[in-house]
Amino acid sequence: MSYRDYVIAAYAVFALMLVWDYLIPRLQIRSALRAAKLRLARTASTPPRDTELPLSRD
């Protein structure tokens, strides 16, 4: 391998890491937002608890 090949490989690794550092956080944010929306929809669909009822001790 010549010196040129090492330089090309180094730039290629650098470019791949830049793409990785750009994409992975975006995918994680998208996943977290989706999970939060699903959690919100799940809690919104359940009826609220009635806390005003007295406890029964029959």
Foldseek 3Di string as FASTA:
>chain_A
DDPVVVVVVVVVVVVVVVVVVVPPVVVVVVVVVVVVVVVVVVVVPDDDDDPPDDDDDD
